[in-house]
PDB file of N, CA and C in Angstrom:
ATOM      1  N   MET A   1     -35.530 -43.596   8.133  1.00  0.00           N
ATOM      2  CA  MET A   1     -35.169 -42.377   7.435  1.00  0.00           C
ATOM      3  C   MET A   1     -35.164 -42.641   5.942  1.00  0.00           C
ATOM      4  N   ASP A   2     -35.785 -41.735   5.250  1.00  0.00           N
ATOM      5  CA  ASP A   2     -35.874 -41.881   3.800  1.00  0.00           C
ATOM      6  C   ASP A   2     -35.133 -40.714   3.146  1.00  0.00           C
ATOM      7  N   PHE A   3     -33.956 -41.013   2.630  1.00  0.00           N
ATOM      8  CA  PHE A   3     -33.168 -39.982   1.955  1.00  0.00           C
ATOM      9  C   PHE A   3     -33.363 -40.121   0.455  1.00  0.00           C
ATOM     10  N   ARG A   4     -33.822 -39.062  -0.141  1.00  0.00           N
ATOM     11  CA  ARG A   4     -34.013 -39.067  -1.591  1.00  0.00           C
ATOM     12  C   ARG A   4     -33.202 -37.935  -2.196  1.00  0.00           C
ATOM     13  N   PHE A   5     -32.627 -38.214  -3.330  1.00  0.00           N
ATOM     14  CA  PHE A   5     -31.864 -37.204  -4.048  1.00  0.00           C
ATOM     15  C   PHE A   5     -32.799 -36.436  -4.955  1.00  0.00           C
ATOM     16  N   ASN A   6     -32.934 -35.164  -4.677  1.00  0.00           N
ATOM     17  CA  ASN A   6     -33.768 -34.306  -5.511  1.00  0.00           C
ATOM     18  C   ASN A   6     -32.896 -33.226  -6.122  1.00  0.00           C
ATOM     19  N   PHE A   7     -32.816 -33.204  -7.427  1.00  0.00           N
ATOM     20  CA  PHE A   7     -32.053 -32.169  -8.121  1.00  0.00           C
ATOM     21  C   PHE A   7     -33.009 -31.102  -8.606  1.00  0.00           C
ATOM     22  N   ASP A   8     -32.828 -29.906  -8.076  1.00  0.00           N
ATOM     23  CA  ASP A   8     -33.678 -28.785  -8.452  1.00  0.00           C
ATOM     24  C   ASP A   8     -32.786 -27.676  -9.000  1.00  0.00           C
ATOM     25  N   PRO A   9     -32.768 -27.481 -10.313  1.00  0.00           N
ATOM     26  CA  PRO A   9     -31.874 -26.476 -10.910  1.00  0.00           C
ATOM     27  C   PRO A   9     -32.121 -25.054 -10.423  1.00  0.00           C
ATOM     28  N   SER A  10     -33.300 -24.757  -9.935  1.00  0.00           N
ATOM     29  CA  SER A  10     -33.576 -23.393  -9.473  1.00  0.00           C
ATOM     30  C   SER A  10     -32.784 -23.046  -8.210  1.00  0.00           C
ATOM     31  N   THR A  11     -32.402 -24.044  -7.421  1.00  0.00           N
ATOM     32  CA  THR A  11     -31.613 -23.775  -6.218  1.00  0.00           C
ATOM     33  C   THR A  11     -30.128 -23.655  -6.527  1.00  0.00           C
ATOM     34  N   LEU A  12     -29.740 -23.981  -7.747  1.00  0.00           N
ATOM     35  CA  LEU A  12     -28.319 -23.951  -8.095  1.00  0.00           C
ATOM     36  C   LEU A  12     -27.747 -22.547  -7.961  1.00  0.00           C
ATOM     37  N   ILE A  13     -28.415 -21.562  -8.495  1.00  0.00           N
ATOM     38  CA  ILE A  13     -27.908 -20.192  -8.455  1.00  0.00           C
ATOM     39  C   ILE A  13     -28.226 -19.536  -7.122  1.00  0.00           C
ATOM     40  N   ASP A  14     -29.420 -19.710  -6.637  1.00  0.00           N
ATOM     41  CA  ASP A  14     -29.848 -19.022  -5.420  1.00  0.00           C
ATOM     42  C   ASP A  14     -29.089 -19.481  -4.179  1.00  0.00           C
ATOM     43  N   GLU A  15     -28.999 -20.760  -3.970  1.00  0.00           N
ATOM     44  CA  GLU A  15     -28.433 -21.261  -2.722  1.00  0.00           C
ATOM     45  C   GLU A  15     -27.012 -21.777  -2.888  1.00  0.00           C
ATOM     46  N   THR A  16     -26.825 -22.696  -3.801  1.00  0.00           N
ATOM     47  CA  THR A  16     -25.545 -23.376  -3.922  1.00  0.00           C
ATOM     48  C   THR A  16     -24.429 -22.430  -4.331  1.00  0.00           C
ATOM     49  N   LEU A  17     -24.667 -21.607  -5.326  1.00  0.00           N
ATOM     50  CA  LEU A  17     -23.640 -20.688  -5.790  1.00  0.00           C
ATOM     51  C   LEU A  17     -23.311 -19.651  -4.720  1.00  0.00           C
ATOM     52  N   LEU A  18     -24.313 -19.195  -3.995  1.00  0.00           N
ATOM     53  CA  LEU A  18     -24.090 -18.221  -2.931  1.00  0.00           C
ATOM     54  C   LEU A  18     -23.231 -18.811  -1.815  1.00  0.00           C
ATOM     55  N   ILE A  19     -23.502 -20.046  -1.446  1.00  0.00           N
ATOM     56  CA  ILE A  19     -22.704 -20.717  -0.417  1.00  0.00           C
ATOM     57  C   ILE A  19     -21.269 -20.897  -0.896  1.00  0.00           C
ATOM     58  N   THR A  20     -21.092 -21.260  -2.167  1.00  0.00           N
ATOM     59  CA  THR A  20     -19.759 -21.443  -2.733  1.00  0.00           C
ATOM     60  C   THR A  20     -18.981 -20.135  -2.745  1.00  0.00           C
ATOM     61  N   VAL A  21     -19.627 -19.050  -3.136  1.00  0.00           N
ATOM     62  CA  VAL A  21     -18.966 -17.743  -3.172  1.00  0.00           C
ATOM     63  C   VAL A  21     -18.570 -17.303  -1.766  1.00  0.00           C
ATOM     64  N   LYS A  22     -19.435 -17.516  -0.798  1.00  0.00           N
ATOM     65  CA  LYS A  22     -19.109 -17.161   0.583  1.00  0.00           C
ATOM     66  C   LYS A  22     -17.912 -17.971   1.083  1.00  0.00           C
ATOM     67  N   GLY A  23     -17.876 -19.240   0.751  1.00  0.00           N
ATOM     68  CA  GLY A  23     -16.759 -20.089   1.164  1.00  0.00           C
ATOM     69  C   GLY A  23     -15.451 -19.662   0.529  1.00  0.00           C
ATOM     70  N   MET A  24     -15.483 -19.351  -0.757  1.00  0.00           N
ATOM     71  CA  MET A  24     -14.270 -18.913  -1.445  1.00  0.00           C
ATOM     72  C   MET A  24     -13.800 -17.566  -0.910  1.00  0.00           C
ATOM     73  N   ALA A  25     -14.730 -16.665  -0.630  1.00  0.00           N
ATOM     74  CA  ALA A  25     -14.360 -15.366  -0.057  1.00  0.00           C
ATOM     75  C   ALA A  25     -13.723 -15.557   1.318  1.00  0.00           C
ATOM     76  N   GLY A  26     -14.262 -16.474   2.088  1.00  0.00           N
ATOM     77  CA  GLY A  26     -13.687 -16.768   3.396  1.00  0.00           C
ATOM     78  C   GLY A  26     -12.272 -17.303   3.296  1.00  0.00           C
ATOM     79  N   VAL A  27     -12.036 -18.162   2.320  1.00  0.00           N
ATOM     80  CA  VAL A  27     -10.691 -18.709   2.111  1.00  0.00           C
ATOM     81  C   VAL A  27      -9.717 -17.588   1.776  1.00  0.00           C
ATOM     82  N   PHE A  28     -10.107 -16.681   0.887  1.00  0.00           N
ATOM     83  CA  PHE A  28      -9.219 -15.585   0.506  1.00  0.00           C
ATOM     84  C   PHE A  28      -8.979 -14.622   1.665  1.00  0.00           C
ATOM     85  N   VAL A  29      -9.980 -14.393   2.489  1.00  0.00           N
ATOM     86  CA  VAL A  29      -9.794 -13.525   3.658  1.00  0.00           C
ATOM     87  C   VAL A  29      -8.803 -14.149   4.629  1.00  0.00           C
ATOM     88  N   VAL A  30      -8.947 -15.427   4.896  1.00  0.00           N
ATOM     89  CA  VAL A  30      -8.035 -16.110   5.815  1.00  0.00           C
ATOM     90  C   VAL A  30      -6.622 -16.117   5.250  1.00  0.00           C
ATOM     91  N   LEU A  31      -6.477 -16.383   3.950  1.00  0.00           N
ATOM     92  CA  LEU A  31      -5.149 -16.341   3.332  1.00  0.00           C
ATOM     93  C   LEU A  31      -4.540 -14.948   3.438  1.00  0.00           C
ATOM     94  N   GLY A  32      -5.342 -13.928   3.226  1.00  0.00           N
ATOM     95  CA  GLY A  32      -4.849 -12.559   3.345  1.00  0.00           C
ATOM     96  C   GLY A  32      -4.370 -12.245   4.751  1.00  0.00           C
ATOM     97  N   VAL A  33      -5.108 -12.690   5.748  1.00  0.00           N
ATOM     98  CA  VAL A  33      -4.714 -12.460   7.142  1.00  0.00           C
ATOM     99  C   VAL A  33      -3.409 -13.186   7.452  1.00  0.00           C
ATOM    100  N   ILE A  34      -3.264 -14.411   6.980  1.00  0.00           N
ATOM    101  CA  ILE A  34      -2.033 -15.174   7.215  1.00  0.00           C
ATOM    102  C   ILE A  34      -0.849 -14.497   6.538  1.00  0.00           C
ATOM    103  N   ILE A  35      -1.020 -14.073   5.286  1.00  0.00           N
ATOM    104  CA  ILE A  35       0.066 -13.404   4.561  1.00  0.00           C
ATOM    105  C   ILE A  35       0.442 -12.103   5.258  1.00  0.00           C
ATOM    106  N   LEU A  36      -0.539 -11.338   5.702  1.00  0.00           N
ATOM    107  CA  LEU A  36      -0.271 -10.087   6.413  1.00  0.00           C
ATOM    108  C   LEU A  36       0.473 -10.344   7.723  1.00  0.00           C
ATOM    109  N   ALA A  37       0.071 -11.366   8.452  1.00  0.00           N
ATOM    110  CA  ALA A  37       0.735 -11.690   9.715  1.00  0.00           C
ATOM    111  C   ALA A  37       2.190 -12.086   9.479  1.00  0.00           C
ATOM    112  N   ILE A  38       2.446 -12.893   8.454  1.00  0.00           N
ATOM    113  CA  ILE A  38       3.819 -13.299   8.141  1.00  0.00           C
ATOM    114  C   ILE A  38       4.648 -12.095   7.719  1.00  0.00           C
ATOM    115  N   TYR A  39       4.064 -11.215   6.915  1.00  0.00           N
ATOM    116  CA  TYR A  39       4.770 -10.007   6.476  1.00  0.00           C
ATOM    117  C   TYR A  39       5.158  -9.141   7.672  1.00  0.00           C
ATOM    118  N   LEU A  40       4.208  -8.927   8.581  1.00  0.00           N
ATOM    119  CA  LEU A  40       4.490  -8.092   9.746  1.00  0.00           C
ATOM    120  C   LEU A  40       5.521  -8.732  10.671  1.00  0.00           C
ATOM    121  N   LEU A  41       5.428 -10.038  10.864  1.00  0.00           N
ATOM    122  CA  LEU A  41       6.416 -10.721  11.703  1.00  0.00           C
ATOM    123  C   LEU A  41       7.809 -10.623  11.101  1.00  0.00           C
ATOM    124  N   ASN A  42       7.921 -10.795   9.791  1.00  0.00           N
ATOM    125  CA  ASN A  42       9.223 -10.670   9.135  1.00  0.00           C
ATOM    126  C   ASN A  42       9.747  -9.245   9.218  1.00  0.00           C
ATOM    127  N   LYS A  43       8.877  -8.284   9.104  1.00  0.00           N
ATOM    128  CA  LYS A  43       9.293  -6.881   9.165  1.00  0.00           C
ATOM    129  C   LYS A  43       9.830  -6.538  10.553  1.00  0.00           C
ATOM    130  N   PHE A  44       9.121  -6.945  11.597  1.00  0.00           N
ATOM    131  CA  PHE A  44       9.575  -6.651  12.954  1.00  0.00           C
ATOM    132  C   PHE A  44      10.828  -7.444  13.317  1.00  0.00           C
ATOM    133  N   ALA A  45      10.947  -8.669  12.851  1.00  0.00           N
ATOM    134  CA  ALA A  45      12.129  -9.478  13.132  1.00  0.00           C
ATOM    135  C   ALA A  45      13.341  -8.917  12.398  1.00  0.00           C
ATOM    136  N   ALA A  46      13.167  -8.378  11.210  1.00  0.00           N
ATOM    137  CA  ALA A  46      14.280  -7.807  10.452  1.00  0.00           C
ATOM    138  C   ALA A  46      14.794  -6.551  11.138  1.00  0.00           C
ATOM    139  N   ASP A  47      13.917  -5.752  11.724  1.00  0.00           N
ATOM    140  CA  ASP A  47      14.347  -4.552  12.440  1.00  0.00           C
ATOM    141  C   ASP A  47      15.240  -4.912  13.623  1.00  0.00           C
ATOM    142  N   LYS A  48      14.894  -5.930  14.359  1.00  0.00           N
ATOM    143  CA  LYS A  48      15.701  -6.344  15.504  1.00  0.00           C
ATOM    144  C   LYS A  48      17.048  -6.893  15.047  1.00  0.00           C
ATOM    145  N   LYS A  49      17.054  -7.631  13.940  1.00  0.00           N
ATOM    146  CA  LYS A  49      18.285  -8.206  13.427  1.00  0.00           C
ATOM    147  C   LYS A  49      19.256  -7.109  12.991  1.00  0.00           C
ATOM    148  N   GLU A  50      18.757  -6.089  12.319  1.00  0.00           N
ATOM    149  CA  GLU A  50      19.606  -4.994  11.852  1.00  0.00           C
ATOM    150  C   GLU A  50      20.183  -4.205  13.026  1.00  0.00           C
ATOM    151  N   LYS A  51      19.417  -4.016  14.067  1.00  0.00           N
ATOM    152  CA  LYS A  51      19.902  -3.281  15.234  1.00  0.00           C
ATOM    153  C   LYS A  51      20.991  -4.060  15.960  1.00  0.00           C
ATOM    154  N   GLN A  52      20.892  -5.385  15.989  1.00  0.00           N
ATOM    155  CA  GLN A  52      21.876  -6.202  16.685  1.00  0.00           C
ATOM    156  C   GLN A  52      23.206  -6.235  15.937  1.00  0.00           C
ATOM    157  N   THR A  53      23.189  -6.178  14.615  1.00  0.00           N
ATOM    158  CA  THR A  53      24.427  -6.274  13.844  1.00  0.00           C
ATOM    159  C   THR A  53      25.180  -4.952  13.800  1.00  0.00           C
ATOM    160  N   LYS A  54      24.534  -3.839  14.108  1.00  0.00           N
ATOM    161  CA  LYS A  54      25.217  -2.532  14.040  1.00  0.00           C
ATOM    162  C   LYS A  54      25.931  -2.201  15.304  1.00  0.00           C
TER     163      LYS A  54
END
């Protein structure tokens, strides 16, 4: 196997940047889903807690 490092600046914007943007968007989507899930769990758990104390 012959591995050679080829740096081609034309692929920087077309391929590499697009892959990076997709990855970052995926990270933010997953973080948003996690934050939403935690918010909803806290909201439903707080409702049960308030009903038990009254």
